Amino acid sequence: MYKVSLKKNIEAEVEFKDSNILLNGSDFDWNISKTSKDKFQITKDGKKLNAEVIGYERESKVVEIKINNQIYNVSVKDKMDQLLQKMGITNLSNSTIKDVKAPMPGLIHDILVEAGQEVKKGDQLMILEAMKMENVLKSPGAGTIASIDVSKGDSVEKNQILIKF
């Protein structure tokens, strides 16, 4: 079962059962056909709607959809998302990062950032050579680098702190 939110005050439960779609426990009779890569035509109760997927934010699971020239942000939460929310664990992606540790023993092949530099999630920080392979270590979140605790050519152990934020 999925929980779908449109704005903060409109929420519905969507469930796929056999070939039917249940909306808040009742059959939802509609027809949807793809007209191009991101465009669809939806028919519900004889009324036709044109829909286009404009964007998708994977982390927050929000889909931006344009229906008949009006834009909607739709949040889709699966069972795991609902369980995490119920447990009060909802902002893992927004948590503050404190450091980056070596995922495995190896040799620091290159350092791509410097202290004081601001980085975004996914930015390349350094290259760790391990088992004859170069592994690019990326930032797990946004922040400002406070210190780099290793130098190019250093050998590091697993879980050794490399960068502090």
C-alpha atoms as a PDB file:
ATOM      1  CA  MET A   1       0.000   0.000   0.000  1.00  0.00           C
ATOM      2  CA  TYR A   2       1.246   3.456  -0.906  1.00  0.00           C
ATOM      3  CA  LYS A   3       0.412   6.735   0.761  1.00  0.00           C
ATOM      4  CA  VAL A   4       0.080   9.553  -1.755  1.00  0.00           C
ATOM      5  CA  SER A   5       0.056  13.202  -0.659  1.00  0.00           C
ATOM      6  CA  LEU A   6      -0.998  16.158  -2.735  1.00  0.00           C
ATOM      7  CA  LYS A   7      -0.255  19.267  -0.713  1.00  0.00           C
ATOM      8  CA  LYS A   8      -0.274  18.783   3.054  1.00  0.00           C
ATOM      9  CA  ASN A   9      -4.007  18.434   3.550  1.00  0.00           C
ATOM     10  CA  ILE A  10      -4.851  15.949   0.770  1.00  0.00           C
ATOM     11  CA  GLU A  11      -3.713  12.387   1.408  1.00  0.00           C
ATOM     12  CA  ALA A  12      -4.860   9.041  -0.024  1.00  0.00           C
ATOM     13  CA  GLU A  13      -3.972   5.372   0.245  1.00  0.00           C
ATOM     14  CA  VAL A  14      -3.362   3.598  -3.043  1.00  0.00           C
ATOM     15  CA  GLU A  15      -3.212  -0.171  -3.321  1.00  0.00           C
ATOM     16  CA  PHE A  16      -2.710  -2.393  -6.361  1.00  0.00           C
ATOM     17  CA  LYS A  17      -4.827  -5.542  -6.082  1.00  0.00           C
ATOM     18  CA  ASP A  18      -4.860  -7.983  -8.997  1.00  0.00           C
ATOM     19  CA  SER A  19      -5.485  -5.711 -11.999  1.00  0.00           C
ATOM     20  CA  ASN A  20      -7.451  -3.140  -9.978  1.00  0.00           C
ATOM     21  CA  ILE A  21      -6.380   0.035  -8.279  1.00  0.00           C
ATOM     22  CA  LEU A  22      -7.943   0.751  -4.892  1.00  0.00           C
ATOM     23  CA  LEU A  23      -8.099   4.360  -3.736  1.00  0.00           C
ATOM     24  CA  ASN A  24      -8.827   4.596   0.001  1.00  0.00           C
ATOM     25  CA  GLY A  25     -10.175   1.014  -0.164  1.00  0.00           C
ATOM     26  CA  SER A  26     -12.562   1.574  -3.106  1.00  0.00           C
ATOM     27  CA  ASP A  27     -12.140   0.627  -6.773  1.00  0.00           C
ATOM     28  CA  PHE A  28     -10.709   3.466  -8.822  1.00  0.00           C
ATOM     29  CA  ASP A  29     -11.907   3.061 -12.390  1.00  0.00           C
ATOM     30  CA  TRP A  30      -9.790   4.991 -14.855  1.00  0.00           C
ATOM     31  CA  ASN A  31      -7.891   4.557 -18.073  1.00  0.00           C
ATOM     32  CA  ILE A  32      -4.389   5.849 -18.672  1.00  0.00           C
ATOM     33  CA  SER A  33      -2.467   5.741 -21.937  1.00  0.00           C
ATOM     34  CA  LYS A  34       1.044   6.930 -22.697  1.00  0.00           C
ATOM     35  CA  THR A  35       1.148   9.434 -25.548  1.00  0.00           C
ATOM     36  CA  SER A  36       4.925  10.132 -25.533  1.00  0.00           C
ATOM     37  CA  LYS A  37       7.952   9.677 -23.274  1.00  0.00           C
ATOM     38  CA  ASP A  38       6.642  11.678 -20.283  1.00  0.00           C
ATOM     39  CA  LYS A  39       3.083  12.462 -21.397  1.00  0.00           C
ATOM     40  CA  PHE A  40      -0.112  10.582 -20.657  1.00  0.00           C
ATOM     41  CA  GLN A  41      -3.827  10.852 -21.296  1.00  0.00           C
ATOM     42  CA  ILE A  42      -6.061   9.947 -18.360  1.00  0.00           C
ATOM     43  CA  THR A  43      -9.774   9.192 -18.746  1.00  0.00           C
ATOM     44  CA  LYS A  44     -11.937   9.162 -15.616  1.00  0.00           C
ATOM     45  CA  ASP A  45     -15.742   9.277 -15.659  1.00  0.00           C
ATOM     46  CA  GLY A  46     -15.733  10.297 -19.333  1.00  0.00           C
ATOM     47  CA  LYS A  47     -13.452  13.267 -18.645  1.00  0.00           C
ATOM     48  CA  LYS A  48     -10.064  13.386 -20.401  1.00  0.00           C
ATOM     49  CA  LEU A  49      -7.015  14.888 -18.728  1.00  0.00           C
ATOM     50  CA  ASN A  50      -3.571  15.487 -20.227  1.00  0.00           C
ATOM     51  CA  ALA A  51      -0.737  14.737 -17.826  1.00  0.00           C
ATOM     52  CA  GLU A  52       3.008  15.232 -18.076  1.00  0.00           C
ATOM     53  CA  VAL A  53       5.723  14.126 -15.657  1.00  0.00           C
ATOM     54  CA  ILE A  54       7.940  17.203 -15.301  1.00  0.00           C
ATOM     55  CA  GLY A  55      10.374  15.964 -12.692  1.00  0.00           C
ATOM     56  CA  TYR A  56      11.133  13.377 -10.030  1.00  0.00           C
ATOM     57  CA  GLU A  57      13.132  13.919  -6.853  1.00  0.00           C
ATOM     58  CA  ARG A  58      14.365  10.435  -5.953  1.00  0.00           C
ATOM     59  CA  GLU A  59      15.414  11.171  -2.348  1.00  0.00           C
ATOM     60  CA  SER A  60      12.187  12.823  -1.257  1.00  0.00           C
ATOM     61  CA  LYS A  61      10.052  10.660  -3.596  1.00  0.00           C
ATOM     62  CA  VAL A  62       8.207  13.668  -4.966  1.00  0.00           C
ATOM     63  CA  VAL A  63       6.892  13.643  -8.522  1.00  0.00           C
ATOM     64  CA  GLU A  64       6.129  16.939 -10.240  1.00  0.00           C
ATOM     65  CA  ILE A  65       3.171  16.441 -12.600  1.00  0.00           C
ATOM     66  CA  LYS A  66       1.428  18.901 -14.893  1.00  0.00           C
ATOM     67  CA  ILE A  67      -2.264  18.059 -15.416  1.00  0.00           C
ATOM     68  CA  ASN A  68      -4.180  20.268 -17.842  1.00  0.00           C
ATOM     69  CA  ASN A  69      -1.544  23.031 -17.443  1.00  0.00           C
ATOM     70  CA  GLN A  70      -1.648  23.004 -13.624  1.00  0.00           C
ATOM     71  CA  ILE A  71       1.430  21.749 -11.747  1.00  0.00           C
ATOM     72  CA  TYR A  72       1.129  19.372  -8.769  1.00  0.00           C
ATOM     73  CA  ASN A  73       3.841  17.999  -6.477  1.00  0.00           C
ATOM     74  CA  VAL A  74       2.845  14.488  -5.465  1.00  0.00           C
ATOM     75  CA  SER A  75       4.632  12.703  -2.626  1.00  0.00           C
ATOM     76  CA  VAL A  76       4.609   8.886  -2.803  1.00  0.00           C
ATOM     77  CA  LYS A  77       5.495   6.845   0.302  1.00  0.00           C
ATOM     78  CA  ASP A  78       5.778   3.047   0.251  1.00  0.00           C
ATOM     79  CA  LYS A  79       5.459   0.717   3.274  1.00  0.00           C
ATOM     80  CA  MET A  80       9.077   1.269   4.348  1.00  0.00           C
ATOM     81  CA  ASP A  81       8.738   5.061   4.175  1.00  0.00           C
ATOM     82  CA  GLN A  82       5.552   4.873   6.245  1.00  0.00           C
ATOM     83  CA  LEU A  83       7.233   2.634   8.833  1.00  0.00           C
ATOM     84  CA  LEU A  84      10.245   4.961   9.120  1.00  0.00           C
ATOM     85  CA  GLN A  85       7.920   7.954   9.502  1.00  0.00           C
ATOM     86  CA  LYS A  86       5.933   6.128  12.198  1.00  0.00           C
ATOM     87  CA  MET A  87       9.210   5.461  14.045  1.00  0.00           C
ATOM     88  CA  GLY A  88      10.171   9.128  13.751  1.00  0.00           C
ATOM     89  CA  ILE A  89      13.014   8.509  11.323  1.00  0.00           C
ATOM     90  CA  THR A  90      12.130  10.837   8.472  1.00  0.00           C
ATOM     91  CA  ASN A  91      15.022  13.170   7.684  1.00  0.00           C
ATOM     92  CA  LEU A  92      17.962  10.829   7.197  1.00  0.00           C
ATOM     93  CA  SER A  93      18.893  12.559   3.950  1.00  0.00           C
ATOM     94  CA  ASN A  94      19.007  15.937   5.712  1.00  0.00           C
ATOM     95  CA  SER A  95      21.164  14.781   8.608  1.00  0.00           C
ATOM     96  CA  THR A  96      24.384  16.652   9.283  1.00  0.00           C
ATOM     97  CA  ILE A  97      27.580  14.933   8.236  1.00  0.00           C
ATOM     98  CA  LYS A  98      30.533  15.043  10.586  1.00  0.00           C
ATOM     99  CA  ASP A  99      33.234  13.141   8.739  1.00  0.00           C
ATOM    100  CA  VAL A 100      34.157  10.812   5.892  1.00  0.00           C
ATOM    101  CA  LYS A 101      35.854   7.542   6.784  1.00  0.00           C
ATOM    102  CA  ALA A 102      37.812   5.116   4.659  1.00  0.00           C
ATOM    103  CA  PRO A 103      35.459   2.351   3.486  1.00  0.00           C
ATOM    104  CA  MET A 104      38.411  -0.056   3.171  1.00  0.00           C
ATOM    105  CA  PRO A 105      42.181  -0.095   3.664  1.00  0.00           C
ATOM    106  CA  GLY A 106      44.112   1.529   0.852  1.00  0.00           C
ATOM    107  CA  LEU A 107      46.337   4.321  -0.389  1.00  0.00           C
ATOM    108  CA  ILE A 108      45.236   7.945  -0.895  1.00  0.00           C
ATOM    109  CA  HIS A 109      45.797   8.403  -4.628  1.00  0.00           C
ATOM    110  CA  ASP A 110      44.484  11.975  -4.922  1.00  0.00           C
ATOM    111  CA  ILE A 111      42.686  14.637  -2.869  1.00  0.00           C
ATOM    112  CA  LEU A 112      40.186  16.648  -4.899  1.00  0.00           C
ATOM    113  CA  VAL A 113      39.090  19.192  -2.255  1.00  0.00           C
ATOM    114  CA  GLU A 114      40.655  21.468   0.352  1.00  0.00           C
ATOM    115  CA  ALA A 115      39.823  22.688   3.843  1.00  0.00           C
ATOM    116  CA  GLY A 116      37.240  25.470   3.867  1.00  0.00           C
ATOM    117  CA  GLN A 117      35.664  24.309   0.621  1.00  0.00           C
ATOM    118  CA  GLU A 118      31.890  23.876   0.481  1.00  0.00           C
ATOM    119  CA  VAL A 119      30.669  20.636  -1.065  1.00  0.00           C
ATOM    120  CA  LYS A 120      27.300  19.233  -2.057  1.00  0.00           C
ATOM    121  CA  LYS A 121      26.073  15.692  -1.684  1.00  0.00           C
ATOM    122  CA  GLY A 122      27.731  13.523  -4.319  1.00  0.00           C
ATOM    123  CA  ASP A 123      30.719  15.829  -4.938  1.00  0.00           C
ATOM    124  CA  GLN A 124      34.004  13.959  -5.433  1.00  0.00           C
ATOM    125  CA  LEU A 125      36.317  14.313  -2.420  1.00  0.00           C
ATOM    126  CA  MET A 126      39.267  12.003  -2.974  1.00  0.00           C
ATOM    127  CA  ILE A 127      40.458   8.880  -4.739  1.00  0.00           C
ATOM    128  CA  LEU A 128      41.348   5.841  -2.650  1.00  0.00           C
ATOM    129  CA  GLU A 129      43.385   3.128  -4.318  1.00  0.00           C
ATOM    130  CA  ALA A 130      42.516  -0.302  -2.950  1.00  0.00           C
ATOM    131  CA  MET A 131      43.090  -3.755  -4.432  1.00  0.00           C
ATOM    132  CA  LYS A 132      44.582  -2.166  -7.590  1.00  0.00           C
ATOM    133  CA  MET A 133      41.401  -0.177  -8.204  1.00  0.00           C
ATOM    134  CA  GLU A 134      40.766   3.534  -7.885  1.00  0.00           C
ATOM    135  CA  ASN A 135      37.660   4.310  -5.799  1.00  0.00           C
ATOM    136  CA  VAL A 136      36.197   7.815  -5.887  1.00  0.00           C
ATOM    137  CA  LEU A 137      34.950   8.814  -2.433  1.00  0.00           C
ATOM    138  CA  LYS A 138      31.995  11.196  -2.648  1.00  0.00           C
ATOM    139  CA  SER A 139      30.452  13.523  -0.120  1.00  0.00           C
ATOM    140  CA  PRO A 140      27.532  11.912   1.750  1.00  0.00           C
ATOM    141  CA  GLY A 141      25.898  15.331   2.188  1.00  0.00           C
ATOM    142  CA  ALA A 142      26.341  19.072   1.886  1.00  0.00           C
ATOM    143  CA  GLY A 143      28.748  20.909   4.151  1.00  0.00           C
ATOM    144  CA  THR A 144      32.011  22.796   4.570  1.00  0.00           C
ATOM    145  CA  ILE A 145      35.235  20.858   4.950  1.00  0.00           C
ATOM    146  CA  ALA A 146      36.847  21.666   8.305  1.00  0.00           C
ATOM    147  CA  SER A 147      39.990  19.560   7.845  1.00  0.00           C
ATOM    148  CA  ILE A 148      41.572  16.901   5.696  1.00  0.00           C
ATOM    149  CA  ASP A 149      43.323  14.452   8.008  1.00  0.00           C
ATOM    150  CA  VAL A 150      45.347  12.576   5.358  1.00  0.00           C
ATOM    151  CA  SER A 151      47.759  13.463   2.569  1.00  0.00           C
ATOM    152  CA  LYS A 152      48.286  12.171  -0.929  1.00  0.00           C
ATOM    153  CA  GLY A 153      50.269   8.925  -0.724  1.00  0.00           C
ATOM    154  CA  ASP A 154      49.163   8.033   2.834  1.00  0.00           C
ATOM    155  CA  SER A 155      48.145   4.463   3.661  1.00  0.00           C
ATOM    156  CA  VAL A 156      44.821   4.315   5.508  1.00  0.00           C
ATOM    157  CA  GLU A 157      42.941   1.666   7.444  1.00  0.00           C
ATOM    158  CA  LYS A 158      39.250   0.851   7.232  1.00  0.00           C
ATOM    159  CA  ASN A 159      37.098   3.388   9.153  1.00  0.00           C
ATOM    160  CA  GLN A 160      40.000   5.846   9.532  1.00  0.00           C
ATOM    161  CA  ILE A 161      38.727   9.428   9.433  1.00  0.00           C
ATOM    162  CA  LEU A 162      39.813  11.112   6.210  1.00  0.00           C
ATOM    163  CA  ILE A 163      37.840  14.365   6.193  1.00  0.00           C
ATOM    164  CA  LYS A 164      36.070  16.288   8.958  1.00  0.00           C
ATOM    165  CA  PHE A 165      33.179  18.703   8.363  1.00  0.00           C
END
